[in-house]
Amino acid sequence: MAVAVVLLTIALVLVIAPLAAAGTGKLARMDGATYPAALTRAAITFATAITLAATVSTTLTALLT
């Protein structure tokens, strides 16, 4: 059961992280940022989401096993 929860969490994050990054990039462009600045903001958002997912997965694994 614990493995399934962790795998589902990882799968959900792998879907949400690119969407959050795309939204951040779009909002940055709408705010008047240049393409490199918008790409940087999107990359930071993506990396943050993946890092958060790794932390949550590690915590869930420790708690559920």
N, C-alpha and C. Protein backbone atom coordinates (compact mmCIF):
# COMPACT_ATOMS: atom_id res chain seq x y z
N MET A 1 0.82 -1.20 0.00
CA MET A 1 0.00 0.00 0.00
C MET A 1 0.87 1.26 0.00
N ALA A 2 1.92 1.26 0.81
CA ALA A 2 2.77 2.44 0.91
C ALA A 2 3.46 2.75 -0.41
N VAL A 3 3.88 1.70 -1.10
CA VAL A 3 4.56 1.91 -2.38
C VAL A 3 3.60 2.52 -3.39
N ALA A 4 2.35 2.09 -3.36
CA ALA A 4 1.36 2.63 -4.29
C ALA A 4 1.11 4.12 -4.04
N VAL A 5 1.06 4.51 -2.78
CA VAL A 5 0.84 5.92 -2.45
C VAL A 5 2.01 6.76 -2.94
N VAL A 6 3.21 6.29 -2.72
CA VAL A 6 4.39 7.04 -3.16
C VAL A 6 4.44 7.13 -4.68
N LEU A 7 4.15 6.03 -5.37
CA LEU A 7 4.17 6.05 -6.84
C LEU A 7 3.09 6.96 -7.41
N LEU A 8 1.92 6.96 -6.80
CA LEU A 8 0.86 7.86 -7.26
C LEU A 8 1.22 9.32 -7.01
N THR A 9 1.87 9.59 -5.91
CA THR A 9 2.32 10.96 -5.62
C THR A 9 3.33 11.41 -6.66
N ILE A 10 4.27 10.55 -6.98
CA ILE A 10 5.28 10.88 -7.99
C ILE A 10 4.63 11.11 -9.35
N ALA A 11 3.69 10.25 -9.72
CA ALA A 11 3.02 10.40 -11.01
C ALA A 11 2.24 11.71 -11.08
N LEU A 12 1.58 12.05 -9.99
CA LEU A 12 0.82 13.30 -9.97
C LEU A 12 1.74 14.50 -10.11
N VAL A 13 2.86 14.47 -9.45
CA VAL A 13 3.80 15.59 -9.53
C VAL A 13 4.39 15.70 -10.92
N LEU A 14 4.65 14.57 -11.56
CA LEU A 14 5.20 14.62 -12.91
C LEU A 14 4.21 15.19 -13.92
N VAL A 15 2.93 15.21 -13.57
CA VAL A 15 1.93 15.86 -14.43
C VAL A 15 1.79 17.33 -14.05
N ILE A 16 1.80 17.62 -12.76
CA ILE A 16 1.56 18.98 -12.28
C ILE A 16 2.76 19.90 -12.50
N ALA A 17 3.98 19.39 -12.33
CA ALA A 17 5.17 20.23 -12.43
C ALA A 17 5.31 20.92 -13.80
N PRO A 18 5.16 20.21 -14.93
CA PRO A 18 5.25 20.92 -16.21
C PRO A 18 4.11 21.93 -16.41
N LEU A 19 2.93 21.60 -15.90
CA LEU A 19 1.82 22.54 -16.01
C LEU A 19 2.09 23.81 -15.21
N ALA A 20 2.64 23.66 -14.02
CA ALA A 20 2.98 24.83 -13.21
C ALA A 20 4.07 25.66 -13.88
N ALA A 21 5.05 24.99 -14.47
CA ALA A 21 6.13 25.70 -15.16
C ALA A 21 5.60 26.45 -16.38
N ALA A 22 4.71 25.81 -17.13
CA ALA A 22 4.13 26.47 -18.30
C ALA A 22 3.30 27.68 -17.89
N GLY A 23 2.53 27.52 -16.83
CA GLY A 23 1.74 28.65 -16.33
C GLY A 23 2.61 29.79 -15.85
N THR A 24 3.69 29.47 -15.19
CA THR A 24 4.61 30.51 -14.72
C THR A 24 5.25 31.24 -15.89
N GLY A 25 5.67 30.48 -16.89
CA GLY A 25 6.26 31.12 -18.07
C GLY A 25 5.28 32.02 -18.80
N LYS A 26 4.04 31.56 -18.92
CA LYS A 26 3.01 32.36 -19.59
C LYS A 26 2.72 33.64 -18.81
N LEU A 27 2.58 33.51 -17.49
CA LEU A 27 2.32 34.69 -16.67
C LEU A 27 3.50 35.67 -16.71
N ALA A 28 4.71 35.14 -16.76
CA ALA A 28 5.88 36.02 -16.84
C ALA A 28 5.88 36.78 -18.16
N ARG A 29 5.53 36.10 -19.26
CA ARG A 29 5.47 36.78 -20.56
C ARG A 29 4.36 37.83 -20.57
N MET A 30 3.22 37.50 -19.97
CA MET A 30 2.13 38.47 -19.91
C MET A 30 2.51 39.69 -19.06
N ASP A 31 3.43 39.49 -18.12
CA ASP A 31 3.89 40.57 -17.26
C ASP A 31 4.94 41.43 -17.95
N GLY A 32 5.38 41.01 -19.13
CA GLY A 32 6.34 41.79 -19.89
C GLY A 32 7.77 41.30 -19.80
N ALA A 33 7.98 40.13 -19.23
CA ALA A 33 9.34 39.60 -19.13
C ALA A 33 9.82 39.13 -20.51
N THR A 34 11.12 39.16 -20.69
CA THR A 34 11.68 38.67 -21.95
C THR A 34 11.59 37.14 -21.96
N TYR A 35 11.81 36.55 -23.13
CA TYR A 35 11.75 35.09 -23.22
C TYR A 35 12.77 34.40 -22.31
N PRO A 36 14.03 34.86 -22.26
CA PRO A 36 14.97 34.20 -21.34
C PRO A 36 14.55 34.33 -19.87
N ALA A 37 14.02 35.47 -19.48
CA ALA A 37 13.57 35.65 -18.10
C ALA A 37 12.37 34.76 -17.79
N ALA A 38 11.45 34.67 -18.74
CA ALA A 38 10.28 33.81 -18.54
C ALA A 38 10.69 32.35 -18.47
N LEU A 39 11.64 31.95 -19.30
CA LEU A 39 12.13 30.57 -19.27
C LEU A 39 12.84 30.27 -17.95
N THR A 40 13.57 31.24 -17.44
CA THR A 40 14.24 31.07 -16.15
C THR A 40 13.23 30.89 -15.03
N ARG A 41 12.19 31.70 -15.03
CA ARG A 41 11.15 31.57 -14.01
C ARG A 41 10.44 30.22 -14.11
N ALA A 42 10.17 29.79 -15.33
CA ALA A 42 9.52 28.49 -15.52
C ALA A 42 10.43 27.36 -15.04
N ALA A 43 11.71 27.44 -15.33
CA ALA A 43 12.65 26.40 -14.90
C ALA A 43 12.77 26.34 -13.39
N ILE A 44 12.76 27.50 -12.75
CA ILE A 44 12.82 27.53 -11.28
C ILE A 44 11.57 26.90 -10.69
N THR A 45 10.42 27.20 -11.27
CA THR A 45 9.18 26.61 -10.78
C THR A 45 9.18 25.10 -10.95
N PHE A 46 9.64 24.63 -12.10
CA PHE A 46 9.70 23.19 -12.36
C PHE A 46 10.64 22.50 -11.38
N ALA A 47 11.81 23.07 -11.18
CA ALA A 47 12.79 22.48 -10.27
C ALA A 47 12.27 22.47 -8.83
N THR A 48 11.57 23.52 -8.45
CA THR A 48 11.00 23.58 -7.10
C THR A 48 9.94 22.51 -6.92
N ALA A 49 9.10 22.32 -7.91
CA ALA A 49 8.04 21.30 -7.81
C ALA A 49 8.64 19.90 -7.73
N ILE A 50 9.67 19.63 -8.51
CA ILE A 50 10.31 18.31 -8.47
C ILE A 50 11.02 18.09 -7.13
N THR A 51 11.67 19.13 -6.62
CA THR A 51 12.34 19.02 -5.33
C THR A 51 11.34 18.78 -4.21
N LEU A 52 10.23 19.49 -4.25
CA LEU A 52 9.19 19.29 -3.25
C LEU A 52 8.63 17.88 -3.34
N ALA A 53 8.46 17.37 -4.53
CA ALA A 53 7.95 16.00 -4.70
C ALA A 53 8.93 14.98 -4.14
N ALA A 54 10.20 15.20 -4.35
CA ALA A 54 11.20 14.28 -3.80
C ALA A 54 11.18 14.29 -2.28
N THR A 55 11.02 15.47 -1.71
CA THR A 55 10.96 15.59 -0.25
C THR A 55 9.72 14.91 0.30
N VAL A 56 8.58 15.14 -0.33
CA VAL A 56 7.34 14.53 0.13
C VAL A 56 7.39 13.01 -0.03
N SER A 57 7.93 12.54 -1.13
CA SER A 57 8.04 11.09 -1.34
C SER A 57 8.94 10.44 -0.30
N THR A 58 10.04 11.09 0.00
CA THR A 58 10.94 10.56 1.03
C THR A 58 10.26 10.52 2.39
N THR A 59 9.53 11.57 2.71
CA THR A 59 8.83 11.62 3.98
C THR A 59 7.73 10.58 4.05
N LEU A 60 6.96 10.44 2.97
CA LEU A 60 5.90 9.43 2.96
C LEU A 60 6.47 8.02 3.07
N THR A 61 7.57 7.79 2.40
CA THR A 61 8.19 6.46 2.48
C THR A 61 8.63 6.16 3.91
N ALA A 62 9.21 7.16 4.56
CA ALA A 62 9.67 6.95 5.93
C ALA A 62 8.49 6.75 6.89
N LEU A 63 7.41 7.46 6.67
CA LEU A 63 6.26 7.36 7.57
C LEU A 63 5.44 6.10 7.34
N LEU A 64 5.33 5.65 6.10
CA LEU A 64 4.44 4.54 5.79
C LEU A 64 5.12 3.17 5.84
N THR A 65 6.43 3.14 6.05
CA THR A 65 7.09 1.83 6.13
C THR A 65 7.59 1.56 7.53
